[in-house]
Amino acid sequence: MTAAVSAVVPARPRPQWRRIARRFLHRPMAIVGLVLVLAFIALAVVGPMLTSDPDLQDFQVVLSPPSLAHPLGTDDLGRDVLARVANGARVSLLAGVVSTAIALVVGITLGLISGFYRGWFDAVLGRIVDVLLAFPFLIFAVGLAAILGASLTNVIAALAISQVPAVIRIARGEAMSIRDQEYVSGAIADGSRDGAIILKYVLPNAASAFIVQATVAIPAAIIGEATLSFLGLGVQPPNASWGILLTGAQQYLAQAPYLAVFPGLAIALTTLGFNLLGDGLRDALDPKGHR
């Protein structure tokens, strides 16, 4: 009987990666987003190695405008703005990527279990998620950071916890939809274990939704880190982050506007890059795509 059932289990659909790549490459704005993201990743990884010490002070060049010696100028303590923006990129991207990764691991795990098994666990978790989603992301993150204290570790924890409810909802919806597919029903009838079904069928077929969610969550987390640091709840001086640089630029907006322009532009371009990349991936991964 088992063999007969096994013989009719439909093969689970597999992503057509070549077709997905072709669809992605046919979207110029998605390529622009990818280039921006890679550029800022390179700035975060390589930039600090190629620039001067971000904490090195030279009082002879205080508030100097951009020049050959200092391409982005210097701040009120004579520190090189390019070096501080490059180091800030490392902190901001680290906070965005790590917090999103933690949120995805926790949220996907809870969401898949909730959507696959349903029952009382799904009902309880659903009510908790509904309550947490009632709070705007940044308000929730600010509250958690205020409770946990000001540090990069606590910022990452606050941002991760704030993102978990949205990930749970997406993962739950994907699990409920995929569980009703024929190939999953066939695997259940064939006697496959629940854990194996989730890892072999549900998770791979929901991966595209999680990839797109990551490209949306990372820029939100970067803005969240900048906001928390700007408010004094995140990274503390003299460490550099884009939020810290904006905080220091407040009192010199008239005298040296470039102090706010360059970190603000870095935040804007990074978030724009991730959003364009996410839009391109969403379209490329859409099974209804025409290309």
Protein backbone atom coordinates (compact mmCIF):
# COMPACT_ATOMS: atom_id res chain seq x y z
CA MET A 1 0.00 0.00 0.00
CA THR A 2 2.81 2.39 0.93
CA ALA A 3 4.60 1.70 -2.34
CA ALA A 4 1.44 2.43 -4.30
CA VAL A 5 0.93 5.75 -2.56
CA SER A 6 4.59 6.63 -2.95
CA ALA A 7 4.43 6.05 -6.67
CA VAL A 8 1.83 8.76 -7.17
CA VAL A 9 3.42 11.42 -4.97
CA PRO A 10 3.93 14.41 -7.29
CA ALA A 11 7.42 15.77 -7.51
CA ARG A 12 7.73 19.06 -5.70
CA PRO A 13 8.35 22.05 -7.95
CA ARG A 14 11.92 23.24 -8.18
CA PRO A 15 12.95 26.86 -8.76
CA GLN A 16 14.13 27.59 -12.28
CA TRP A 17 17.26 29.52 -11.36
CA ARG A 18 18.30 30.26 -14.93
CA ARG A 19 14.89 31.66 -15.75
CA ILE A 20 14.92 33.67 -12.51
CA ALA A 21 18.36 35.09 -13.35
CA ARG A 22 17.19 36.01 -16.84
CA ARG A 23 14.13 37.79 -15.48
CA PHE A 24 16.29 39.66 -12.97
CA LEU A 25 18.81 40.77 -15.58
CA HIS A 26 15.99 42.16 -17.73
CA ARG A 27 15.19 44.68 -14.99
CA PRO A 28 17.67 47.61 -15.11
CA MET A 29 16.56 49.10 -11.80
CA ALA A 30 17.13 45.77 -10.06
CA ILE A 31 20.69 45.74 -11.42
CA VAL A 32 21.15 49.32 -10.15
CA GLY A 33 20.00 48.14 -6.73
CA LEU A 34 22.41 45.20 -6.79
CA VAL A 35 25.31 47.50 -7.74
CA LEU A 36 24.47 49.91 -4.91
CA VAL A 37 24.24 47.10 -2.36
CA LEU A 38 27.55 45.57 -3.48
CA ALA A 39 29.20 49.00 -3.47
CA PHE A 40 28.25 49.66 0.15
CA ILE A 41 29.23 46.14 1.18
CA ALA A 42 32.63 46.78 -0.41
CA LEU A 43 32.82 50.13 1.43
CA ALA A 44 32.08 48.39 4.72
CA VAL A 45 34.56 45.55 4.16
CA VAL A 46 37.43 47.25 2.33
CA GLY A 47 36.88 50.94 3.11
CA PRO A 48 38.24 50.92 6.68
CA MET A 49 41.43 49.23 5.40
CA LEU A 50 42.05 51.92 2.79
CA THR A 51 41.21 55.00 4.85
CA SER A 52 42.92 56.62 7.83
CA ASP A 53 42.09 56.01 11.48
CA PRO A 54 38.49 57.25 11.94
CA ASP A 55 39.36 58.49 15.45
CA LEU A 56 42.56 60.33 14.43
CA GLN A 57 42.20 64.02 15.33
CA ASP A 58 43.97 66.87 13.54
CA PHE A 59 43.00 70.25 14.95
CA GLN A 60 44.75 72.07 12.10
CA VAL A 61 42.06 70.95 9.64
CA VAL A 62 38.93 71.26 11.78
CA LEU A 63 35.76 71.54 9.66
CA SER A 64 37.72 71.58 6.42
CA PRO A 65 35.53 71.18 3.29
CA PRO A 66 36.11 68.27 0.88
CA SER A 67 39.58 68.32 -0.66
CA LEU A 68 42.16 65.99 -2.17
CA ALA A 69 43.57 65.24 1.28
CA HIS A 70 40.11 64.67 2.75
CA PRO A 71 37.64 63.78 -0.05
CA LEU A 72 34.59 64.17 2.22
CA GLY A 73 36.05 66.86 4.48
CA THR A 74 36.73 66.76 8.21
CA ASP A 75 34.53 67.13 11.27
CA ASP A 76 34.68 69.41 14.32
CA LEU A 77 37.59 67.42 15.76
CA GLY A 78 39.56 67.23 12.51
CA ARG A 79 38.65 63.59 11.88
CA ASP A 80 38.39 62.39 8.29
CA VAL A 81 34.70 62.09 7.32
CA LEU A 82 35.39 59.47 4.62
CA ALA A 83 37.06 57.21 7.18
CA ARG A 84 34.16 57.65 9.56
CA VAL A 85 31.53 57.03 6.88
CA ALA A 86 33.39 53.85 5.83
CA ASN A 87 33.53 52.61 9.42
CA GLY A 88 29.94 53.67 9.91
CA ALA A 89 28.99 51.52 6.93
CA ARG A 90 30.48 48.51 8.69
CA VAL A 91 28.48 49.17 11.87
CA SER A 92 25.21 50.03 10.11
CA LEU A 93 25.31 47.10 7.69
CA LEU A 94 26.35 44.74 10.49
CA ALA A 95 23.36 45.84 12.56
CA GLY A 96 21.01 45.55 9.59
CA VAL A 97 22.18 42.17 8.33
CA VAL A 98 22.69 40.43 11.68
CA SER A 99 19.41 41.63 13.20
CA THR A 100 17.52 40.57 10.07
CA ALA A 101 19.25 37.17 10.03
CA ILE A 102 18.29 36.56 13.67
CA ALA A 103 14.71 37.67 12.99
CA LEU A 104 14.47 35.35 9.98
CA VAL A 105 15.77 32.32 11.88
CA VAL A 106 13.41 32.84 14.83
CA GLY A 107 10.43 34.06 12.81
CA ILE A 108 10.64 31.39 10.10
CA THR A 109 10.97 28.61 12.68
CA LEU A 110 7.95 29.76 14.71
CA GLY A 111 5.91 30.69 11.64
CA LEU A 112 6.45 27.39 9.83
CA ILE A 113 5.58 25.37 12.93
CA SER A 114 2.50 27.50 13.54
CA GLY A 115 1.25 27.31 9.95
CA PHE A 116 2.02 23.63 9.50
CA TYR A 117 0.47 22.30 12.70
CA ARG A 118 -2.08 25.05 13.40
CA GLY A 119 -4.16 24.18 16.48
CA TRP A 120 -3.75 25.91 19.84
CA PHE A 121 -0.14 26.94 19.22
CA ASP A 122 -1.16 28.76 16.06
CA ALA A 123 -4.04 30.49 17.85
CA VAL A 124 -1.87 31.68 20.76
CA LEU A 125 1.04 32.77 18.57
CA GLY A 126 -1.33 34.54 16.19
CA ARG A 127 -2.79 36.67 18.99
CA ILE A 128 0.69 37.56 20.28
CA VAL A 129 1.82 38.55 16.79
CA ASP A 130 -1.30 40.67 16.28
CA VAL A 131 -0.57 42.58 19.49
CA LEU A 132 3.11 43.15 18.61
CA LEU A 133 2.29 44.26 15.06
CA ALA A 134 0.04 46.96 16.52
CA PHE A 135 3.22 48.84 17.46
CA PRO A 136 5.11 50.58 14.61
CA PHE A 137 8.50 48.99 13.96
CA LEU A 138 10.62 51.98 15.02
CA ILE A 139 8.54 52.72 18.13
CA PHE A 140 8.87 49.10 19.21
CA ALA A 141 12.64 49.13 18.57
CA VAL A 142 13.13 52.42 20.45
CA GLY A 143 11.24 51.06 23.44
CA LEU A 144 13.26 47.86 23.53
CA ALA A 145 16.57 49.71 23.12
CA ALA A 146 15.64 52.05 25.97
CA ILE A 147 14.99 49.04 28.20
CA LEU A 148 18.07 47.05 27.15
CA GLY A 149 20.54 49.96 27.21
CA ALA A 150 22.74 51.70 24.67
CA SER A 151 25.18 49.41 22.83
CA LEU A 152 25.54 47.84 19.39
CA THR A 153 24.65 44.40 20.76
CA ASN A 154 21.45 45.70 22.33
CA VAL A 155 20.56 47.60 19.15
CA ILE A 156 20.86 44.38 17.14
CA ALA A 157 18.74 42.54 19.71
CA ALA A 158 16.08 45.28 19.72
CA LEU A 159 15.91 45.41 15.91
CA ALA A 160 15.76 41.60 15.65
CA ILE A 161 12.92 41.28 18.18
CA SER A 162 11.03 44.09 16.45
CA GLN A 163 11.20 42.30 13.10
CA VAL A 164 10.21 38.84 14.31
CA PRO A 165 6.39 39.35 14.30
CA ALA A 166 6.31 40.33 10.59
CA VAL A 167 8.47 37.34 9.67
CA ILE A 168 6.25 34.99 11.67
CA ARG A 169 3.18 36.19 9.81
CA ILE A 170 4.81 35.69 6.40
CA ALA A 171 6.19 32.24 7.30
CA ARG A 172 2.85 31.14 8.75
CA GLY A 173 0.99 32.15 5.61
CA GLU A 174 3.48 30.37 3.38
CA ALA A 175 3.33 27.19 5.50
CA MET A 176 -0.47 27.11 5.46
CA SER A 177 -0.55 27.58 1.70
CA ILE A 178 2.11 24.99 0.89
CA ARG A 179 0.76 22.40 3.34
CA ASP A 180 -2.42 22.16 1.26
CA GLN A 181 -0.52 21.34 -1.94
CA GLU A 182 -0.78 17.85 -3.42
CA TYR A 183 2.89 17.00 -3.14
CA VAL A 184 2.83 17.73 0.61
CA SER A 185 -0.36 15.72 1.10
CA GLY A 186 1.25 12.87 -0.82
CA ALA A 187 4.36 13.01 1.35
CA ILE A 188 2.21 12.93 4.50
CA ALA A 189 0.28 9.92 3.16
CA ASP A 190 3.59 8.27 2.30
CA GLY A 191 4.54 8.39 5.99
CA SER A 192 7.22 11.09 5.85
CA ARG A 193 8.04 12.73 9.16
CA ASP A 194 6.76 16.24 9.77
CA GLY A 195 10.24 17.68 10.24
CA ALA A 196 11.43 16.16 6.97
CA ILE A 197 8.37 17.51 5.13
CA ILE A 198 8.96 21.02 6.47
CA LEU A 199 12.66 20.98 5.55
CA LYS A 200 12.26 19.21 2.21
CA TYR A 201 9.03 20.68 0.87
CA VAL A 202 7.75 23.68 2.81
CA LEU A 203 10.96 25.64 3.47
CA PRO A 204 12.44 25.43 -0.06
CA ASN A 205 9.17 26.45 -1.71
CA ALA A 206 8.76 29.41 0.65
CA ALA A 207 12.37 30.53 0.24
CA SER A 208 11.58 33.16 -2.38
CA ALA A 209 9.21 34.96 0.00
CA PHE A 210 11.86 34.95 2.72
CA ILE A 211 14.53 36.29 0.35
CA VAL A 212 12.30 39.20 -0.64
CA GLN A 213 11.43 39.85 3.01
CA ALA A 214 15.13 40.03 3.86
CA THR A 215 15.74 42.72 1.24
CA VAL A 216 12.89 44.72 2.77
CA ALA A 217 13.89 44.14 6.39
CA ILE A 218 17.60 44.97 6.07
CA PRO A 219 17.14 48.61 4.96
CA ALA A 220 14.46 49.05 7.64
CA ALA A 221 16.94 47.77 10.22
CA ILE A 222 19.67 50.10 8.89
CA ILE A 223 17.33 53.07 9.29
CA GLY A 224 16.39 51.73 12.71
CA GLU A 225 20.04 51.57 13.80
CA ALA A 226 20.65 55.11 12.53
CA THR A 227 17.57 56.34 14.39
CA LEU A 228 18.54 54.66 17.66
CA SER A 229 22.13 55.96 17.43
CA PHE A 230 20.85 59.43 16.56
CA LEU A 231 18.67 59.36 19.69
CA GLY A 232 21.59 58.18 21.86
CA LEU A 233 20.17 54.67 22.30
CA GLY A 234 22.56 52.89 19.95
CA VAL A 235 26.27 53.02 19.20
CA GLN A 236 28.06 55.47 21.47
CA PRO A 237 30.78 58.00 20.53
CA PRO A 238 33.61 57.94 19.62
CA ASN A 239 32.53 54.87 17.63
CA ALA A 240 31.28 55.72 14.17
CA SER A 241 27.91 54.86 12.71
CA TRP A 242 25.80 56.78 10.24
CA GLY A 243 23.38 57.77 13.00
CA ILE A 244 26.22 59.04 15.21
CA LEU A 245 27.59 61.10 12.31
CA LEU A 246 24.20 62.73 11.82
CA THR A 247 24.01 63.51 15.52
CA GLY A 248 27.39 65.26 15.43
CA ALA A 249 26.44 67.21 12.31
CA GLN A 250 23.36 68.88 13.85
CA GLN A 251 25.10 71.94 15.26
CA TYR A 252 27.19 72.53 12.12
CA LEU A 253 24.47 72.39 9.46
CA ALA A 254 25.02 76.03 8.42
CA GLN A 255 28.80 76.01 8.71
CA ALA A 256 29.58 72.53 7.34
CA PRO A 257 26.47 70.95 5.75
CA TYR A 258 28.57 68.17 4.20
CA LEU A 259 28.81 66.58 7.66
CA ALA A 260 25.11 65.68 7.38
CA VAL A 261 24.93 65.26 3.61
CA PHE A 262 27.37 62.36 3.25
CA PRO A 263 26.10 60.01 6.00
CA GLY A 264 22.51 60.92 5.06
CA LEU A 265 23.27 60.13 1.42
CA ALA A 266 24.85 56.82 2.47
CA ILE A 267 21.69 55.83 4.36
CA ALA A 268 19.45 56.90 1.47
CA LEU A 269 21.45 55.10 -1.22
CA THR A 270 21.82 51.92 0.82
CA THR A 271 18.11 51.68 1.54
CA LEU A 272 17.32 52.56 -2.08
CA GLY A 273 19.67 49.81 -3.27
CA PHE A 274 18.07 47.15 -1.07
CA ASN A 275 14.56 48.26 -2.05
CA LEU A 276 15.35 48.14 -5.77
CA LEU A 277 17.03 44.78 -5.31
CA GLY A 278 14.01 43.49 -3.41
CA ASP A 279 11.61 44.68 -6.11
CA GLY A 280 13.72 42.98 -8.77
CA LEU A 281 13.92 39.73 -6.85
CA ARG A 282 10.18 39.77 -6.17
CA ASP A 283 9.42 40.16 -9.87
CA ALA A 284 12.04 37.59 -10.91
CA LEU A 285 10.81 35.01 -8.40
CA ASP A 286 7.15 35.56 -9.31
CA PRO A 287 5.96 32.36 -11.05
CA LYS A 288 3.56 34.49 -13.09
CA GLY A 289 6.45 36.45 -14.61
CA HIS A 290 6.45 36.70 -18.40
CA ARG A 291 10.18 36.45 -18.97
